[in-house]
């Protein structure tokens, strides 16, 4: 089995695990709403995953254009780091959907952010594991520019989450 197939298999296993854990979290069979320091554990998951995405992805963007010897290693970290970040964000989202079911106005920005993250993840998986197909060529544009939208909405989500930005 070559690495591309192995990488796809591992990413698929992580995504299936993400789906199962998210279902369990949304049903509160896994309760992650307990405090670790000043925030719920589930919020720490979101903060850690967002920090990884916000810090590593711009670094990856610039390093992949340089003559770096370990480009394949950098790409593996990019792919699996973002899939793991997606797992943490999915748990954050799933747990908060149930907790904030009676406050849909608090879920709006997070829901949009999650949908855009799904687009980024799906188009990234297509680019990485379907690189020779026409679909990858067409998804490249969507992947590249949905990341910009992801960053903008993530900033709004964080500012509203910390009550710095309040929508009336």
N, C-alpha and C. Protein backbone atom coordinates (compact mmCIF):
# COMPACT_ATOMS: atom_id res chain seq x y z
N UNK A 1 0.86 -1.17 0.00
CA UNK A 1 0.00 0.00 0.00
C UNK A 1 0.90 1.24 0.00
N UNK A 2 0.71 2.12 -0.98
CA UNK A 2 1.52 3.33 -1.00
C UNK A 2 0.98 4.35 0.00
N UNK A 3 1.77 5.41 0.25
CA UNK A 3 1.38 6.35 1.30
C UNK A 3 0.08 7.08 0.97
N UNK A 4 -0.14 7.35 -0.31
CA UNK A 4 -1.35 8.09 -0.67
C UNK A 4 -2.59 7.29 -0.26
N UNK A 5 -2.60 6.00 -0.53
CA UNK A 5 -3.72 5.15 -0.13
C UNK A 5 -3.80 5.02 1.39
N UNK A 6 -2.63 4.86 2.04
CA UNK A 6 -2.60 4.76 3.49
C UNK A 6 -3.08 6.07 4.12
N UNK A 7 -2.65 7.19 3.57
CA UNK A 7 -3.08 8.49 4.07
C UNK A 7 -4.58 8.68 3.93
N UNK A 8 -5.11 8.26 2.80
CA UNK A 8 -6.55 8.36 2.59
C UNK A 8 -7.30 7.46 3.57
N UNK A 9 -6.79 6.27 3.80
CA UNK A 9 -7.40 5.35 4.74
C UNK A 9 -7.40 5.94 6.15
N UNK A 10 -6.27 6.48 6.58
CA UNK A 10 -6.18 7.07 7.92
C UNK A 10 -7.09 8.29 8.06
N UNK A 11 -7.11 9.15 7.04
CA UNK A 11 -7.99 10.32 7.08
C UNK A 11 -9.45 9.89 7.12
N UNK A 12 -9.79 8.86 6.36
CA UNK A 12 -11.17 8.35 6.37
C UNK A 12 -11.55 7.79 7.73
N UNK A 13 -10.64 7.05 8.35
CA UNK A 13 -10.90 6.51 9.69
C UNK A 13 -11.11 7.65 10.68
N UNK A 14 -10.29 8.69 10.59
CA UNK A 14 -10.46 9.85 11.48
C UNK A 14 -11.79 10.55 11.24
N UNK A 15 -12.21 10.64 10.00
CA UNK A 15 -13.49 11.30 9.70
C UNK A 15 -14.67 10.47 10.19
N UNK A 16 -14.59 9.16 10.06
CA UNK A 16 -15.66 8.29 10.57
C UNK A 16 -15.70 8.37 12.10
N UNK A 17 -14.54 8.37 12.72
CA UNK A 17 -14.46 8.54 14.18
C UNK A 17 -15.05 9.88 14.59
N UNK A 18 -14.76 10.92 13.82
CA UNK A 18 -15.31 12.25 14.09
C UNK A 18 -16.83 12.22 14.04
N UNK A 19 -17.38 11.59 13.03
CA UNK A 19 -18.84 11.52 12.90
C UNK A 19 -19.46 10.78 14.09
N UNK A 20 -18.88 9.65 14.45
CA UNK A 20 -19.43 8.87 15.57
C UNK A 20 -19.32 9.63 16.89
N UNK A 21 -18.17 10.22 17.17
CA UNK A 21 -18.01 10.98 18.41
C UNK A 21 -18.92 12.21 18.44
N UNK A 22 -19.11 12.83 17.30
CA UNK A 22 -19.99 14.00 17.24
C UNK A 22 -21.44 13.62 17.52
N UNK A 23 -21.87 12.49 17.01
CA UNK A 23 -23.22 12.01 17.30
C UNK A 23 -23.37 11.75 18.79
N UNK A 24 -22.40 11.07 19.37
CA UNK A 24 -22.45 10.80 20.81
C UNK A 24 -22.42 12.09 21.63
N UNK A 25 -21.65 13.06 21.20
CA UNK A 25 -21.57 14.33 21.92
C UNK A 25 -22.87 15.12 21.80
N UNK A 26 -23.48 15.09 20.62
CA UNK A 26 -24.73 15.84 20.45
C UNK A 26 -25.88 15.22 21.25
N UNK A 27 -25.81 13.92 21.49
CA UNK A 27 -26.82 13.23 22.30
C UNK A 27 -26.48 13.27 23.79
N UNK A 28 -25.34 13.89 24.13
CA UNK A 28 -24.83 13.99 25.49
C UNK A 28 -24.51 12.63 26.10
N UNK A 29 -24.19 11.64 25.25
CA UNK A 29 -23.69 10.38 25.77
C UNK A 29 -22.23 10.56 26.17
N UNK A 30 -21.60 11.55 25.56
CA UNK A 30 -20.28 12.01 25.99
C UNK A 30 -20.51 13.44 26.45
N UNK A 31 -20.28 13.71 27.72
CA UNK A 31 -20.50 15.06 28.24
C UNK A 31 -19.16 15.75 28.42
N UNK A 32 -18.92 16.75 27.60
CA UNK A 32 -17.67 17.49 27.65
C UNK A 32 -17.87 18.90 28.20
N UNK A 33 -19.02 19.13 28.81
CA UNK A 33 -19.32 20.45 29.38
C UNK A 33 -18.96 20.48 30.86
N UNK A 34 -17.68 20.41 31.13
CA UNK A 34 -17.20 20.61 32.49
C UNK A 34 -16.00 21.55 32.40
N UNK A 35 -15.80 22.28 33.47
CA UNK A 35 -14.78 23.32 33.46
C UNK A 35 -13.37 22.75 33.59
N UNK A 36 -12.50 23.29 32.78
CA UNK A 36 -11.06 23.08 32.88
C UNK A 36 -10.50 24.50 32.90
N UNK A 37 -10.19 24.97 34.08
CA UNK A 37 -9.80 26.38 34.20
C UNK A 37 -11.02 27.25 34.01
N UNK A 38 -10.87 28.34 33.26
CA UNK A 38 -11.99 29.27 33.12
C UNK A 38 -13.05 28.87 32.09
N UNK A 39 -12.79 27.86 31.27
CA UNK A 39 -13.71 27.49 30.19
C UNK A 39 -14.08 26.02 30.27
N UNK A 40 -15.20 25.70 29.59
CA UNK A 40 -15.58 24.30 29.43
C UNK A 40 -14.51 23.58 28.61
N UNK A 41 -14.34 22.28 28.85
CA UNK A 41 -13.40 21.48 28.06
C UNK A 41 -13.74 21.60 26.57
N UNK A 42 -15.01 21.59 26.25
CA UNK A 42 -15.43 21.66 24.85
C UNK A 42 -14.98 22.97 24.19
N UNK A 43 -14.92 24.05 24.97
CA UNK A 43 -14.42 25.31 24.44
C UNK A 43 -12.91 25.25 24.23
N UNK A 44 -12.22 24.55 25.12
CA UNK A 44 -10.78 24.37 24.92
C UNK A 44 -10.51 23.61 23.63
N UNK A 45 -11.36 22.61 23.33
CA UNK A 45 -11.21 21.89 22.06
C UNK A 45 -11.30 22.85 20.89
N UNK A 46 -12.30 23.72 20.91
CA UNK A 46 -12.46 24.71 19.85
C UNK A 46 -11.30 25.67 19.78
N UNK A 47 -10.82 26.12 20.93
CA UNK A 47 -9.71 27.07 20.98
C UNK A 47 -8.43 26.43 20.44
N UNK A 48 -8.14 25.22 20.87
CA UNK A 48 -6.93 24.52 20.41
C UNK A 48 -6.98 24.28 18.91
N UNK A 49 -8.11 23.80 18.41
CA UNK A 49 -8.24 23.50 16.98
C UNK A 49 -8.16 24.78 16.16
N UNK A 50 -8.81 25.83 16.62
CA UNK A 50 -8.78 27.10 15.90
C UNK A 50 -7.37 27.68 15.90
N UNK A 51 -6.67 27.56 17.02
CA UNK A 51 -5.30 28.05 17.09
C UNK A 51 -4.41 27.30 16.10
N UNK A 52 -4.58 25.98 16.01
CA UNK A 52 -3.79 25.21 15.04
C UNK A 52 -4.08 25.69 13.62
N UNK A 53 -5.35 25.82 13.29
CA UNK A 53 -5.73 26.25 11.94
C UNK A 53 -5.20 27.65 11.66
N UNK A 54 -5.36 28.55 12.62
CA UNK A 54 -4.97 29.94 12.43
C UNK A 54 -3.46 30.12 12.34
N UNK A 55 -2.70 29.29 13.04
CA UNK A 55 -1.25 29.45 13.04
C UNK A 55 -0.59 28.60 11.95
N UNK A 56 -0.94 27.32 11.89
CA UNK A 56 -0.22 26.43 10.98
C UNK A 56 -0.56 26.65 9.52
N UNK A 57 -1.81 26.91 9.18
CA UNK A 57 -2.17 27.03 7.77
C UNK A 57 -1.48 28.18 7.05
N UNK A 58 -1.38 29.38 7.64
CA UNK A 58 -0.58 30.42 6.96
C UNK A 58 0.91 30.04 6.85
N UNK A 59 1.44 29.38 7.89
CA UNK A 59 2.83 28.93 7.83
C UNK A 59 2.99 27.93 6.69
N UNK A 60 2.07 26.98 6.61
CA UNK A 60 2.11 25.99 5.53
C UNK A 60 2.03 26.66 4.16
N UNK A 61 1.14 27.64 4.03
CA UNK A 61 0.95 28.35 2.77
C UNK A 61 2.26 28.96 2.28
N UNK A 62 3.01 29.58 3.19
CA UNK A 62 4.27 30.21 2.79
C UNK A 62 5.41 29.20 2.63
N UNK A 63 5.49 28.22 3.50
CA UNK A 63 6.58 27.25 3.41
C UNK A 63 6.48 26.37 2.17
N UNK A 64 5.27 26.06 1.73
CA UNK A 64 5.16 25.18 0.56
C UNK A 64 5.64 25.87 -0.72
N UNK A 65 5.75 27.18 -0.70
CA UNK A 65 6.24 27.92 -1.86
C UNK A 65 7.76 28.07 -1.85
N UNK A 66 8.37 27.79 -0.72
CA UNK A 66 9.83 27.84 -0.61
C UNK A 66 10.41 26.49 -1.02
N UNK A 67 11.71 26.46 -1.17
CA UNK A 67 12.36 25.20 -1.51
C UNK A 67 12.66 24.43 -0.24
N UNK A 68 11.60 23.95 0.38
CA UNK A 68 11.71 23.17 1.61
C UNK A 68 11.95 21.72 1.23
N UNK A 69 12.91 21.07 1.90
CA UNK A 69 13.25 19.69 1.58
C UNK A 69 12.16 18.71 1.98
N UNK A 70 11.43 19.02 3.01
CA UNK A 70 10.45 18.09 3.56
C UNK A 70 9.02 18.51 3.20
N UNK A 71 8.75 18.81 1.94
CA UNK A 71 7.41 19.25 1.53
C UNK A 71 6.35 18.19 1.80
N UNK A 72 6.68 16.94 1.60
CA UNK A 72 5.71 15.86 1.82
C UNK A 72 5.36 15.74 3.30
N UNK A 73 6.36 15.90 4.16
CA UNK A 73 6.10 15.88 5.61
C UNK A 73 5.23 17.06 6.00
N UNK A 74 5.53 18.20 5.43
CA UNK A 74 4.73 19.41 5.70
C UNK A 74 3.28 19.20 5.26
N UNK A 75 3.09 18.57 4.11
CA UNK A 75 1.73 18.29 3.62
C UNK A 75 1.01 17.29 4.53
N UNK A 76 1.72 16.27 5.03
CA UNK A 76 1.10 15.31 5.96
C UNK A 76 0.64 16.01 7.24
N UNK A 77 1.49 16.88 7.77
CA UNK A 77 1.11 17.63 8.97
C UNK A 77 -0.10 18.50 8.68
N UNK A 78 -0.12 19.12 7.51
CA UNK A 78 -1.24 19.96 7.09
C UNK A 78 -2.54 19.15 7.04
N UNK A 79 -2.49 18.02 6.37
CA UNK A 79 -3.70 17.20 6.19
C UNK A 79 -4.17 16.64 7.53
N UNK A 80 -3.32 15.93 8.22
CA UNK A 80 -3.76 15.25 9.45
C UNK A 80 -3.97 16.23 10.60
N UNK A 81 -3.20 17.29 10.64
CA UNK A 81 -3.45 18.31 11.66
C UNK A 81 -4.81 18.95 11.49
N UNK A 82 -5.18 19.23 10.24
CA UNK A 82 -6.48 19.84 9.99
C UNK A 82 -7.62 18.86 10.18
N UNK A 83 -7.41 17.58 9.89
CA UNK A 83 -8.46 16.59 10.14
C UNK A 83 -8.66 16.42 11.65
N UNK A 84 -7.56 16.43 12.41
CA UNK A 84 -7.69 16.36 13.88
C UNK A 84 -8.34 17.63 14.43
N UNK A 85 -7.99 18.77 13.85
CA UNK A 85 -8.64 20.03 14.27
C UNK A 85 -10.13 19.96 13.96
N UNK A 86 -10.48 19.38 12.81
CA UNK A 86 -11.89 19.21 12.45
C UNK A 86 -12.61 18.32 13.46
N UNK A 87 -11.92 17.27 13.94
CA UNK A 87 -12.50 16.39 14.95
C UNK A 87 -12.83 17.20 16.21
N UNK A 88 -11.88 17.99 16.68
CA UNK A 88 -12.11 18.79 17.89
C UNK A 88 -13.22 19.82 17.68
N UNK A 89 -13.22 20.46 16.53
CA UNK A 89 -14.25 21.47 16.24
C UNK A 89 -15.62 20.80 16.09
N UNK A 90 -15.65 19.61 15.52
CA UNK A 90 -16.92 18.89 15.40
C UNK A 90 -17.49 18.54 16.77
N UNK A 91 -16.63 18.12 17.68
CA UNK A 91 -17.09 17.85 19.04
C UNK A 91 -17.58 19.13 19.71
N UNK A 92 -16.85 20.21 19.51
CA UNK A 92 -17.26 21.52 20.04
C UNK A 92 -18.63 21.90 19.49
N UNK A 93 -18.80 21.75 18.20
CA UNK A 93 -20.06 22.11 17.56
C UNK A 93 -21.20 21.20 18.02
N UNK A 94 -20.95 19.89 18.03
CA UNK A 94 -22.00 18.93 18.39
C UNK A 94 -22.47 19.14 19.82
N UNK A 95 -21.56 19.37 20.73
CA UNK A 95 -21.94 19.56 22.12
C UNK A 95 -22.70 20.88 22.31
N UNK A 96 -22.30 21.90 21.57
CA UNK A 96 -22.96 23.20 21.70
C UNK A 96 -24.32 23.25 21.02
N UNK A 97 -24.52 22.43 20.00
CA UNK A 97 -25.84 22.39 19.35
C UNK A 97 -26.89 21.96 20.35
N UNK A 98 -26.59 20.95 21.12
CA UNK A 98 -27.54 20.48 22.14
C UNK A 98 -27.68 21.46 23.29
N UNK A 99 -26.57 22.04 23.71
CA UNK A 99 -26.58 22.95 24.85
C UNK A 99 -27.30 24.25 24.53
N UNK A 100 -27.15 24.74 23.31
CA UNK A 100 -27.72 26.02 22.92
C UNK A 100 -28.95 25.88 22.03
N UNK A 101 -29.62 24.75 22.10
CA UNK A 101 -30.78 24.51 21.24
C UNK A 101 -31.87 25.56 21.43
N UNK A 102 -31.99 26.11 22.62
CA UNK A 102 -33.01 27.12 22.88
C UNK A 102 -32.51 28.53 22.61
N UNK A 103 -31.29 28.67 22.13
CA UNK A 103 -30.73 29.98 21.80
C UNK A 103 -30.15 29.95 20.40
N UNK A 104 -31.00 29.83 19.37
CA UNK A 104 -30.49 29.67 18.00
C UNK A 104 -29.67 30.86 17.52
N UNK A 105 -29.89 32.04 18.08
CA UNK A 105 -29.11 33.20 17.65
C UNK A 105 -27.64 33.03 18.00
N UNK A 106 -27.33 32.26 19.04
CA UNK A 106 -25.94 32.00 19.42
C UNK A 106 -25.31 30.95 18.50
N UNK A 107 -26.13 30.15 17.84
CA UNK A 107 -25.60 29.10 16.97
C UNK A 107 -25.36 29.56 15.54
N UNK A 108 -25.94 30.69 15.15
CA UNK A 108 -25.91 31.11 13.75
C UNK A 108 -24.53 31.19 13.15
N UNK A 109 -23.65 31.97 13.76
CA UNK A 109 -22.30 32.16 13.22
C UNK A 109 -21.53 30.85 13.30
N UNK A 110 -21.68 30.10 14.39
CA UNK A 110 -20.98 28.83 14.53
C UNK A 110 -21.44 27.81 13.49
N UNK A 111 -22.73 27.82 13.19
CA UNK A 111 -23.26 26.89 12.18
C UNK A 111 -22.69 27.22 10.80
N UNK A 112 -22.66 28.50 10.45
CA UNK A 112 -22.08 28.92 9.16
C UNK A 112 -20.60 28.57 9.12
N UNK A 113 -19.92 28.81 10.21
CA UNK A 113 -18.49 28.49 10.29
C UNK A 113 -18.25 27.00 10.10
N UNK A 114 -19.09 26.18 10.71
CA UNK A 114 -18.95 24.73 10.57
C UNK A 114 -19.20 24.29 9.13
N UNK A 115 -20.20 24.88 8.47
CA UNK A 115 -20.46 24.54 7.07
C UNK A 115 -19.29 24.90 6.17
N UNK A 116 -18.71 26.06 6.39
CA UNK A 116 -17.55 26.47 5.59
C UNK A 116 -16.36 25.57 5.87
N UNK A 117 -16.19 25.18 7.13
CA UNK A 117 -15.12 24.25 7.48
C UNK A 117 -15.31 22.91 6.76
N UNK A 118 -16.55 22.46 6.64
CA UNK A 118 -16.84 21.24 5.88
C UNK A 118 -16.43 21.38 4.42
N UNK A 119 -16.71 22.54 3.84
CA UNK A 119 -16.32 22.80 2.44
C UNK A 119 -14.80 22.78 2.32
N UNK A 120 -14.10 23.44 3.24
CA UNK A 120 -12.64 23.46 3.20
C UNK A 120 -12.08 22.05 3.32
N UNK A 121 -12.61 21.28 4.25
CA UNK A 121 -12.13 19.91 4.46
C UNK A 121 -12.41 19.04 3.23
N UNK A 122 -13.61 19.10 2.73
CA UNK A 122 -13.98 18.26 1.57
C UNK A 122 -13.14 18.61 0.34
N UNK A 123 -12.99 19.89 0.06
CA UNK A 123 -12.20 20.28 -1.12
C UNK A 123 -10.72 19.96 -0.92
N UNK A 124 -10.23 20.07 0.31
CA UNK A 124 -8.84 19.70 0.59
C UNK A 124 -8.61 18.21 0.40
N UNK A 125 -9.56 17.40 0.85
CA UNK A 125 -9.45 15.95 0.65
C UNK A 125 -9.49 15.59 -0.84
N UNK A 126 -10.34 16.28 -1.58
CA UNK A 126 -10.40 16.04 -3.02
C UNK A 126 -9.08 16.40 -3.67
N UNK A 127 -8.51 17.55 -3.31
CA UNK A 127 -7.22 17.96 -3.89
C UNK A 127 -6.12 16.97 -3.56
N UNK A 128 -6.07 16.54 -2.31
CA UNK A 128 -4.99 15.66 -1.88
C UNK A 128 -5.11 14.25 -2.45
N UNK A 129 -6.31 13.69 -2.42
CA UNK A 129 -6.45 12.28 -2.76
C UNK A 129 -7.08 12.03 -4.12
N UNK A 130 -7.47 13.08 -4.81
CA UNK A 130 -7.99 12.96 -6.18
C UNK A 130 -7.25 13.93 -7.09
N UNK A 131 -5.95 14.06 -6.88
CA UNK A 131 -5.18 15.12 -7.52
C UNK A 131 -5.12 15.03 -9.03
N UNK A 132 -5.41 13.89 -9.61
CA UNK A 132 -5.33 13.75 -11.05
C UNK A 132 -6.69 13.91 -11.75
N UNK A 133 -7.74 14.01 -10.98
CA UNK A 133 -9.06 14.12 -11.58
C UNK A 133 -9.47 15.55 -11.87
N UNK A 134 -10.48 15.69 -12.70
CA UNK A 134 -10.99 17.02 -13.02
C UNK A 134 -11.60 17.68 -11.79
N UNK A 135 -12.18 16.88 -10.92
CA UNK A 135 -12.81 17.41 -9.73
C UNK A 135 -11.82 18.20 -8.88
N UNK A 136 -10.60 17.72 -8.76
CA UNK A 136 -9.57 18.42 -7.96
C UNK A 136 -9.24 19.76 -8.58
N UNK A 137 -9.19 19.81 -9.88
CA UNK A 137 -8.87 21.07 -10.55
C UNK A 137 -9.94 22.12 -10.29
N UNK A 138 -11.19 21.69 -10.25
CA UNK A 138 -12.28 22.63 -10.01
C UNK A 138 -12.43 22.96 -8.52
N UNK A 139 -12.05 22.04 -7.67
CA UNK A 139 -12.21 22.30 -6.24
C UNK A 139 -11.10 23.17 -5.67
N UNK A 140 -9.99 23.30 -6.39
CA UNK A 140 -8.87 24.08 -5.92
C UNK A 140 -9.26 25.54 -5.63
N UNK A 141 -10.00 26.13 -6.55
CA UNK A 141 -10.47 27.51 -6.37
C UNK A 141 -11.35 27.61 -5.13
N UNK A 142 -12.29 26.70 -4.99
CA UNK A 142 -13.20 26.72 -3.85
C UNK A 142 -12.43 26.52 -2.54
N UNK A 143 -11.46 25.63 -2.54
CA UNK A 143 -10.66 25.38 -1.34
C UNK A 143 -9.89 26.64 -0.94
N UNK A 144 -9.22 27.22 -1.91
CA UNK A 144 -8.37 28.37 -1.63
C UNK A 144 -9.15 29.55 -1.07
N UNK A 145 -10.29 29.86 -1.67
CA UNK A 145 -11.01 31.06 -1.26
C UNK A 145 -12.01 30.83 -0.13
N UNK A 146 -12.40 29.59 0.09
CA UNK A 146 -13.26 29.33 1.26
C UNK A 146 -12.44 29.44 2.54
N UNK A 147 -11.14 29.25 2.46
CA UNK A 147 -10.28 29.42 3.63
C UNK A 147 -10.29 30.88 4.09
N UNK A 148 -10.29 31.80 3.14
CA UNK A 148 -10.35 33.22 3.48
C UNK A 148 -11.66 33.52 4.22
N UNK A 149 -12.75 32.99 3.70
CA UNK A 149 -14.05 33.19 4.35
C UNK A 149 -14.06 32.53 5.73
N UNK A 150 -13.46 31.35 5.83
CA UNK A 150 -13.36 30.65 7.10
C UNK A 150 -12.67 31.52 8.15
N UNK A 151 -11.55 32.13 7.79
CA UNK A 151 -10.82 32.97 8.73
C UNK A 151 -11.66 34.17 9.15
N UNK A 152 -12.34 34.81 8.22
CA UNK A 152 -13.15 35.98 8.55
C UNK A 152 -14.30 35.62 9.50
N UNK A 153 -14.99 34.56 9.20
CA UNK A 153 -16.12 34.16 10.05
C UNK A 153 -15.62 33.63 11.40
N UNK A 154 -14.46 32.98 11.42
CA UNK A 154 -13.90 32.50 12.69
C UNK A 154 -13.60 33.68 13.62
N UNK A 155 -13.11 34.77 13.06
CA UNK A 155 -12.85 35.97 13.87
C UNK A 155 -14.16 36.49 14.46
N UNK A 156 -15.20 36.55 13.64
CA UNK A 156 -16.51 37.00 14.13
C UNK A 156 -17.02 36.04 15.21
N UNK A 157 -16.87 34.74 14.99
CA UNK A 157 -17.34 33.74 15.95
C UNK A 157 -16.62 33.88 17.30
N UNK A 158 -15.32 34.05 17.25
CA UNK A 158 -14.54 34.19 18.49
C UNK A 158 -14.94 35.48 19.21
N UNK A 159 -15.08 36.57 18.47
CA UNK A 159 -15.45 37.84 19.09
C UNK A 159 -16.85 37.79 19.71
N UNK A 160 -17.78 37.11 19.06
CA UNK A 160 -19.12 36.98 19.65
C UNK A 160 -19.10 35.99 20.81
N UNK A 161 -18.28 34.94 20.72
CA UNK A 161 -18.19 33.96 21.80
C UNK A 161 -17.66 34.56 23.09
N UNK A 162 -16.74 35.49 22.96
CA UNK A 162 -16.19 36.16 24.14
C UNK A 162 -16.94 37.45 24.46
N UNK A 163 -18.10 37.65 23.84
CA UNK A 163 -18.96 38.83 24.06
C UNK A 163 -18.27 40.15 23.79
N UNK A 164 -17.32 40.15 22.88
CA UNK A 164 -16.65 41.39 22.46
C UNK A 164 -17.47 42.05 21.36
N UNK A 165 -18.04 41.21 20.49
CA UNK A 165 -18.89 41.68 19.42
C UNK A 165 -20.28 41.13 19.70
N UNK A 166 -21.26 42.01 19.82
CA UNK A 166 -22.61 41.59 20.16
C UNK A 166 -23.55 42.02 19.04
N UNK A 167 -24.30 41.05 18.51
CA UNK A 167 -25.33 41.36 17.51
C UNK A 167 -26.63 41.60 18.23
N UNK A 168 -27.34 42.64 17.84
CA UNK A 168 -28.62 42.96 18.51
C UNK A 168 -29.73 42.10 18.00
